[in-house]
C-alpha atoms as a PDB file:
ATOM      1  CA  MET A   1      55.364 127.782  93.940  1.00  0.00           C
ATOM      2  CA  SER A   2      51.906 128.983  94.968  1.00  0.00           C
ATOM      3  CA  LYS A   3      48.765 127.800  93.190  1.00  0.00           C
ATOM      4  CA  ASN A   4      48.240 131.251  91.701  1.00  0.00           C
ATOM      5  CA  SER A   5      51.809 131.323  90.364  1.00  0.00           C
ATOM      6  CA  ALA A   6      51.423 127.828  88.895  1.00  0.00           C
ATOM      7  CA  ASP A   7      48.153 128.822  87.263  1.00  0.00           C
ATOM      8  CA  GLN A   8      49.796 131.912  85.769  1.00  0.00           C
ATOM      9  CA  LEU A   9      52.590 129.736  84.405  1.00  0.00           C
ATOM     10  CA  ARG A  10      50.017 127.399  82.881  1.00  0.00           C
ATOM     11  CA  MET A  11      48.343 130.360  81.191  1.00  0.00           C
ATOM     12  CA  ARG A  12      51.661 131.497  79.689  1.00  0.00           C
ATOM     13  CA  LEU A  13      52.429 128.011  78.415  1.00  0.00           C
ATOM     14  CA  ARG A  14      48.967 127.672  76.902  1.00  0.00           C
ATOM     15  CA  SER A  15      49.410 131.041  75.178  1.00  0.00           C
ATOM     16  CA  LYS A  16      52.675 129.844  73.653  1.00  0.00           C
ATOM     17  CA  ARG A  17      50.881 126.794  72.279  1.00  0.00           C
ATOM     18  CA  GLU A  18      48.080 128.823  70.793  1.00  0.00           C
ATOM     19  CA  ALA A  19      50.539 131.249  69.189  1.00  0.00           C
ATOM     20  CA  THR A  20      52.349 128.450  67.368  1.00  0.00           C
ATOM     21  CA  PRO A  21      51.162 128.111  63.750  1.00  0.00           C
ATOM     22  CA  VAL A  22      49.162 124.974  62.978  1.00  0.00           C
ATOM     23  CA  ALA A  23      51.594 123.878  60.255  1.00  0.00           C
ATOM     24  CA  GLU A  24      54.487 124.118  62.718  1.00  0.00           C
ATOM     25  CA  ARG A  25      52.644 121.993  65.279  1.00  0.00           C
ATOM     26  CA  GLN A  26      51.808 119.426  62.632  1.00  0.00           C
ATOM     27  CA  GLN A  27      55.443 119.135  61.555  1.00  0.00           C
ATOM     28  CA  ALA A  28      56.520 118.924  65.191  1.00  0.00           C
ATOM     29  CA  SER A  29      54.067 116.055  65.731  1.00  0.00           C
ATOM     30  CA  VAL A  30      55.635 114.227  62.770  1.00  0.00           C
ATOM     31  CA  LEU A  31      59.048 114.519  64.435  1.00  0.00           C
ATOM     32  CA  LEU A  32      57.679 113.247  67.745  1.00  0.00           C
ATOM     33  CA  CYS A  33      56.054 110.264  66.052  1.00  0.00           C
ATOM     34  CA  ALA A  34      59.210 109.385  64.138  1.00  0.00           C
ATOM     35  CA  GLU A  35      61.349 109.365  67.287  1.00  0.00           C
ATOM     36  CA  LEU A  36      58.793 107.334  69.230  1.00  0.00           C
ATOM     37  CA  ARG A  37      58.710 104.746  66.460  1.00  0.00           C
ATOM     38  CA  ARG A  38      62.502 104.472  66.604  1.00  0.00           C
ATOM     39  CA  TRP A  39      62.500 104.166  70.364  1.00  0.00           C
ATOM     40  CA  PHE A  40      59.777 101.520  70.491  1.00  0.00           C
ATOM     41  CA  ASP A  41      61.464  99.559  67.697  1.00  0.00           C
ATOM     42  CA  ALA A  42      64.726  99.542  69.658  1.00  0.00           C
ATOM     43  CA  ARG A  43      62.902  98.582  72.836  1.00  0.00           C
ATOM     44  CA  SER A  44      61.163  95.680  71.085  1.00  0.00           C
ATOM     45  CA  ALA A  45      64.478  94.432  69.695  1.00  0.00           C
ATOM     46  CA  SER A  46      66.040  94.529  73.168  1.00  0.00           C
ATOM     47  CA  ARG A  47      63.104  92.702  74.708  1.00  0.00           C
ATOM     48  CA  HIS A  48      63.221  90.048  71.984  1.00  0.00           C
ATOM     49  CA  THR A  49      66.931  89.504  72.597  1.00  0.00           C
ATOM     50  CA  LEU A  50      66.218  88.965  76.289  1.00  0.00           C
ATOM     51  CA  GLY A  51      63.430  86.515  75.525  1.00  0.00           C
ATOM     52  CA  HIS A  52      60.480  88.716  76.483  1.00  0.00           C
ATOM     53  CA  THR A  53      57.560  87.701  74.291  1.00  0.00           C
ATOM     54  CA  ALA A  54      54.499  89.125  76.063  1.00  0.00           C
ATOM     55  CA  PRO A  55      53.085  92.189  74.251  1.00  0.00           C
ATOM     56  CA  GLU A  56      53.723  95.449  76.021  1.00  0.00           C
ATOM     57  CA  ILE A  57      50.904  97.775  76.956  1.00  0.00           C
ATOM     58  CA  VAL A  58      51.374 101.400  75.925  1.00  0.00           C
ATOM     59  CA  ALA A  59      49.102 104.099  77.369  1.00  0.00           C
ATOM     60  CA  GLY A  60      48.700 107.035  75.014  1.00  0.00           C
ATOM     61  CA  PHE A  61      46.458 110.085  75.039  1.00  0.00           C
ATOM     62  CA  TRP A  62      44.019 111.396  72.449  1.00  0.00           C
ATOM     63  CA  PRO A  63      45.067 114.924  71.463  1.00  0.00           C
ATOM     64  CA  LEU A  64      43.190 117.949  72.675  1.00  0.00           C
ATOM     65  CA  ASP A  65      43.453 121.254  70.812  1.00  0.00           C
ATOM     66  CA  ASN A  66      47.092 122.298  70.415  1.00  0.00           C
ATOM     67  CA  GLU A  67      48.461 119.052  71.885  1.00  0.00           C
ATOM     68  CA  PRO A  68      50.942 116.787  70.094  1.00  0.00           C
ATOM     69  CA  ASP A  69      49.158 114.329  67.817  1.00  0.00           C
ATOM     70  CA  LEU A  70      50.556 110.836  68.332  1.00  0.00           C
ATOM     71  CA  ARG A  71      47.765 108.923  66.617  1.00  0.00           C
ATOM     72  CA  PRO A  72      50.046 107.631  63.817  1.00  0.00           C
ATOM     73  CA  VAL A  73      52.263 106.070  66.499  1.00  0.00           C
ATOM     74  CA  TYR A  74      49.308 104.303  68.097  1.00  0.00           C
ATOM     75  CA  GLU A  75      48.329 102.803  64.754  1.00  0.00           C
ATOM     76  CA  TYR A  76      51.917 101.714  64.142  1.00  0.00           C
ATOM     77  CA  LEU A  77      52.264 100.129  67.568  1.00  0.00           C
ATOM     78  CA  HIS A  78      49.023  98.241  67.035  1.00  0.00           C
ATOM     79  CA  THR A  79      50.399  96.735  63.825  1.00  0.00           C
ATOM     80  CA  GLN A  80      53.602  95.750  65.681  1.00  0.00           C
ATOM     81  CA  GLY A  81      51.760  93.732  68.300  1.00  0.00           C
ATOM     82  CA  PHE A  82      51.663  96.255  71.132  1.00  0.00           C
ATOM     83  CA  ILE A  83      48.472  96.712  73.120  1.00  0.00           C
ATOM     84  CA  VAL A  84      47.505 100.384  72.973  1.00  0.00           C
ATOM     85  CA  ALA A  85      45.313 101.837  75.701  1.00  0.00           C
ATOM     86  CA  LEU A  86      43.765 105.255  76.256  1.00  0.00           C
ATOM     87  CA  PRO A  87      42.827 106.979  79.523  1.00  0.00           C
ATOM     88  CA  ILE A  88      39.367 107.162  81.016  1.00  0.00           C
ATOM     89  CA  VAL A  89      38.454 109.596  83.783  1.00  0.00           C
ATOM     90  CA  ILE A  90      36.435 107.644  86.344  1.00  0.00           C
ATOM     91  CA  LYS A  91      35.871 110.456  88.831  1.00  0.00           C
ATOM     92  CA  LYS A  92      37.636 113.443  90.332  1.00  0.00           C
ATOM     93  CA  GLN A  93      40.490 112.820  92.759  1.00  0.00           C
ATOM     94  CA  SER A  94      40.936 109.285  91.417  1.00  0.00           C
ATOM     95  CA  PRO A  95      43.609 107.673  89.238  1.00  0.00           C
ATOM     96  CA  LEU A  96      42.907 107.249  85.548  1.00  0.00           C
ATOM     97  CA  GLU A  97      41.974 103.904  84.085  1.00  0.00           C
ATOM     98  CA  PHE A  98      43.386 102.751  80.758  1.00  0.00           C
ATOM     99  CA  HIS A  99      41.243 100.739  78.372  1.00  0.00           C
ATOM    100  CA  ALA A 100      42.287  98.995  75.192  1.00  0.00           C
ATOM    101  CA  TRP A 101      42.052 100.860  71.886  1.00  0.00           C
ATOM    102  CA  ARG A 102      42.176  99.630  68.308  1.00  0.00           C
ATOM    103  CA  PRO A 103      42.310 101.745  65.133  1.00  0.00           C
ATOM    104  CA  THR A 104      38.789 100.661  64.173  1.00  0.00           C
ATOM    105  CA  ASP A 105      37.274 101.655  67.547  1.00  0.00           C
ATOM    106  CA  THR A 106      34.819 104.528  67.886  1.00  0.00           C
ATOM    107  CA  LEU A 107      35.613 106.879  70.749  1.00  0.00           C
ATOM    108  CA  LYS A 108      33.071 108.775  72.813  1.00  0.00           C
ATOM    109  CA  PRO A 109      33.306 112.134  74.606  1.00  0.00           C
ATOM    110  CA  GLY A 110      34.238 111.796  78.258  1.00  0.00           C
ATOM    111  CA  ALA A 111      35.133 114.194  81.039  1.00  0.00           C
ATOM    112  CA  PHE A 112      36.558 117.572  79.984  1.00  0.00           C
ATOM    113  CA  GLY A 113      35.651 116.845  76.356  1.00  0.00           C
ATOM    114  CA  VAL A 114      38.379 114.234  75.952  1.00  0.00           C
ATOM    115  CA  LEU A 115      37.542 111.362  73.622  1.00  0.00           C
ATOM    116  CA  GLU A 116      37.686 108.027  75.439  1.00  0.00           C
ATOM    117  CA  PRO A 117      37.515 104.365  74.418  1.00  0.00           C
ATOM    118  CA  VAL A 118      34.513 102.282  75.310  1.00  0.00           C
ATOM    119  CA  ARG A 119      35.013 100.743  78.732  1.00  0.00           C
ATOM    120  CA  GLY A 120      35.574  97.039  78.793  1.00  0.00           C
ATOM    121  CA  GLU A 121      39.220  96.017  78.594  1.00  0.00           C
ATOM    122  CA  GLN A 122      41.125  97.743  81.373  1.00  0.00           C
ATOM    123  CA  ARG A 123      44.903  97.505  80.996  1.00  0.00           C
ATOM    124  CA  ILE A 124      47.825  98.244  83.306  1.00  0.00           C
ATOM    125  CA  PRO A 125      50.428 100.049  81.167  1.00  0.00           C
ATOM    126  CA  ASP A 126      54.120  99.237  80.882  1.00  0.00           C
ATOM    127  CA  VAL A 127      54.854 102.565  79.170  1.00  0.00           C
ATOM    128  CA  LEU A 128      52.841 105.743  79.615  1.00  0.00           C
ATOM    129  CA  LEU A 129      53.023 108.634  77.167  1.00  0.00           C
ATOM    130  CA  VAL A 130      52.086 111.571  79.362  1.00  0.00           C
ATOM    131  CA  PRO A 131      50.750 114.870  77.974  1.00  0.00           C
ATOM    132  CA  THR A 132      53.005 117.583  79.374  1.00  0.00           C
ATOM    133  CA  LEU A 133      52.102 121.254  79.428  1.00  0.00           C
ATOM    134  CA  GLY A 134      55.411 122.294  80.975  1.00  0.00           C
ATOM    135  CA  PHE A 135      58.588 120.597  82.137  1.00  0.00           C
ATOM    136  CA  THR A 136      61.998 121.164  83.646  1.00  0.00           C
ATOM    137  CA  ASP A 137      65.260 119.582  82.539  1.00  0.00           C
ATOM    138  CA  GLN A 138      65.221 117.620  85.793  1.00  0.00           C
ATOM    139  CA  GLY A 139      62.086 115.725  84.739  1.00  0.00           C
ATOM    140  CA  ALA A 140      59.483 117.674  86.676  1.00  0.00           C
ATOM    141  CA  ARG A 141      56.134 117.949  84.900  1.00  0.00           C
ATOM    142  CA  LEU A 142      53.576 120.715  85.028  1.00  0.00           C
ATOM    143  CA  GLY A 143      50.183 119.376  83.996  1.00  0.00           C
ATOM    144  CA  TYR A 144      46.826 121.011  83.555  1.00  0.00           C
ATOM    145  CA  GLY A 145      46.047 121.265  87.249  1.00  0.00           C
ATOM    146  CA  GLY A 146      43.684 118.319  87.724  1.00  0.00           C
ATOM    147  CA  GLY A 147      46.320 116.018  89.186  1.00  0.00           C
ATOM    148  CA  PHE A 148      45.088 112.968  87.275  1.00  0.00           C
ATOM    149  CA  TYR A 149      48.469 111.808  86.021  1.00  0.00           C
ATOM    150  CA  ASP A 150      50.242 112.486  89.312  1.00  0.00           C
ATOM    151  CA  ARG A 151      47.681 110.312  91.107  1.00  0.00           C
ATOM    152  CA  THR A 152      47.835 107.668  88.391  1.00  0.00           C
ATOM    153  CA  LEU A 153      51.623 107.374  88.382  1.00  0.00           C
ATOM    154  CA  ALA A 154      51.758 107.348  92.178  1.00  0.00           C
ATOM    155  CA  HIS A 155      49.051 104.657  92.265  1.00  0.00           C
ATOM    156  CA  LEU A 156      50.951 102.441  89.825  1.00  0.00           C
ATOM    157  CA  ASN A 157      54.147 102.915  91.806  1.00  0.00           C
ATOM    158  CA  GLU A 158      52.470 102.092  95.115  1.00  0.00           C
ATOM    159  CA  ALA A 159      50.986  98.966  93.530  1.00  0.00           C
ATOM    160  CA  GLY A 160      54.500  97.786  92.675  1.00  0.00           C
ATOM    161  CA  LYS A 161      54.070  98.150  88.924  1.00  0.00           C
ATOM    162  CA  ASN A 162      57.281  98.498  86.916  1.00  0.00           C
ATOM    163  CA  PHE A 163      56.595 101.170  84.279  1.00  0.00           C
ATOM    164  CA  LEU A 164      58.099 104.051  82.343  1.00  0.00           C
ATOM    165  CA  ALA A 165      56.481 107.493  82.292  1.00  0.00           C
ATOM    166  CA  LEU A 166      57.556 109.482  79.235  1.00  0.00           C
ATOM    167  CA  GLY A 167      56.441 113.086  78.971  1.00  0.00           C
ATOM    168  CA  ILE A 168      55.428 114.348  75.518  1.00  0.00           C
ATOM    169  CA  ALA A 169      55.783 118.097  75.099  1.00  0.00           C
ATOM    170  CA  TRP A 170      56.433 120.924  72.683  1.00  0.00           C
ATOM    171  CA  ASP A 171      59.839 122.597  72.784  1.00  0.00           C
ATOM    172  CA  GLN A 172      58.119 125.768  74.008  1.00  0.00           C
ATOM    173  CA  ALA A 173      56.994 123.848  77.112  1.00  0.00           C
ATOM    174  CA  ARG A 174      60.448 123.953  78.735  1.00  0.00           C
ATOM    175  CA  ILE A 175      60.281 125.926  81.980  1.00  0.00           C
ATOM    176  CA  GLU A 176      63.330 128.109  82.413  1.00  0.00           C
ATOM    177  CA  GLU A 177      65.007 128.304  85.817  1.00  0.00           C
ATOM    178  CA  HIS A 178      64.229 131.995  86.181  1.00  0.00           C
ATOM    179  CA  ALA A 179      60.504 131.176  86.115  1.00  0.00           C
ATOM    180  CA  GLY A 180      60.797 130.068  89.727  1.00  0.00           C
ATOM    181  CA  TYR A 181      58.866 126.837  89.243  1.00  0.00           C
ATOM    182  CA  GLN A 182      59.221 124.320  92.063  1.00  0.00           C
ATOM    183  CA  PRO A 183      57.422 120.964  91.854  1.00  0.00           C
ATOM    184  CA  GLN A 184      55.203 120.049  94.778  1.00  0.00           C
ATOM    185  CA  ALA A 185      55.589 116.965  96.942  1.00  0.00           C
ATOM    186  CA  HIS A 186      52.699 115.245  95.144  1.00  0.00           C
ATOM    187  CA  ASP A 187      54.119 115.907  91.659  1.00  0.00           C
ATOM    188  CA  TYR A 188      55.331 112.613  90.212  1.00  0.00           C
ATOM    189  CA  PRO A 189      58.600 112.901  88.225  1.00  0.00           C
ATOM    190  CA  LEU A 190      58.893 111.608  84.676  1.00  0.00           C
ATOM    191  CA  ASP A 191      61.533 109.140  83.490  1.00  0.00           C
ATOM    192  CA  ALA A 192      62.246 111.198  80.381  1.00  0.00           C
ATOM    193  CA  ILE A 193      60.634 113.884  78.234  1.00  0.00           C
ATOM    194  CA  LEU A 194      60.442 113.954  74.450  1.00  0.00           C
ATOM    195  CA  THR A 195      60.053 117.149  72.463  1.00  0.00           C
ATOM    196  CA  PRO A 196      60.333 117.635  68.687  1.00  0.00           C
ATOM    197  CA  SER A 197      64.004 118.486  69.261  1.00  0.00           C
ATOM    198  CA  GLY A 198      64.697 115.193  71.026  1.00  0.00           C
ATOM    199  CA  TRP A 199      64.899 113.675  74.494  1.00  0.00           C
ATOM    200  CA  THR A 200      65.755 115.803  77.507  1.00  0.00           C
ATOM    201  CA  GLN A 201      67.548 112.700  78.787  1.00  0.00           C
ATOM    202  CA  ALA A 202      67.859 109.224  77.352  1.00  0.00           C
ATOM    203  CA  PRO A 203      64.943 107.075  78.529  1.00  0.00           C
ATOM    204  CA  PRO A 204      65.793 103.664  80.010  1.00  0.00           C
ATOM    205  CA  ALA A 205      65.931 100.976  77.341  1.00  0.00           C
ATOM    206  CA  LEU A 206      63.916  98.520  79.456  1.00  0.00           C
END
């Protein structure tokens, strides 16, 4: 798919988001949060059974306009002993960094108007919740065009880090086959994608 075609697809997906009533998005976020809580609870139970005691690091994202709002999940995970981290844009064409976040922390505006934690405690995530503008049933992700998450996931993989990348998307973000979308060689695939209707495929338990 050419850059112009991908950009046109992004515009259509953004328009779908904006056309969705606020109340509907809020209810959809509640469903996303509930399923993530269930999944993380099950994951914790499995890890405990296997004797894993080290706290897991979960990389989230602070919601932009019209994005899923997972902040209740971050607060819940913090109370359950997880380490929650949020992304920081260091510079263009570079992987993201993830720095620790706590519910009492004050965030500051960073690149592209995204709120970021204060730098200081960089963390390497075990699970990444990835904002997903569009997706296919095969796990391909269409992002916003900056390539930050593709570079980040590729960097973690090249460094030998064992992690899960879970896309978080609205149901309207599914890209139908007739749209002609083809991921590029640099597009990093996701392990699973969660929408308010459920998982596109069951994510690995561990």
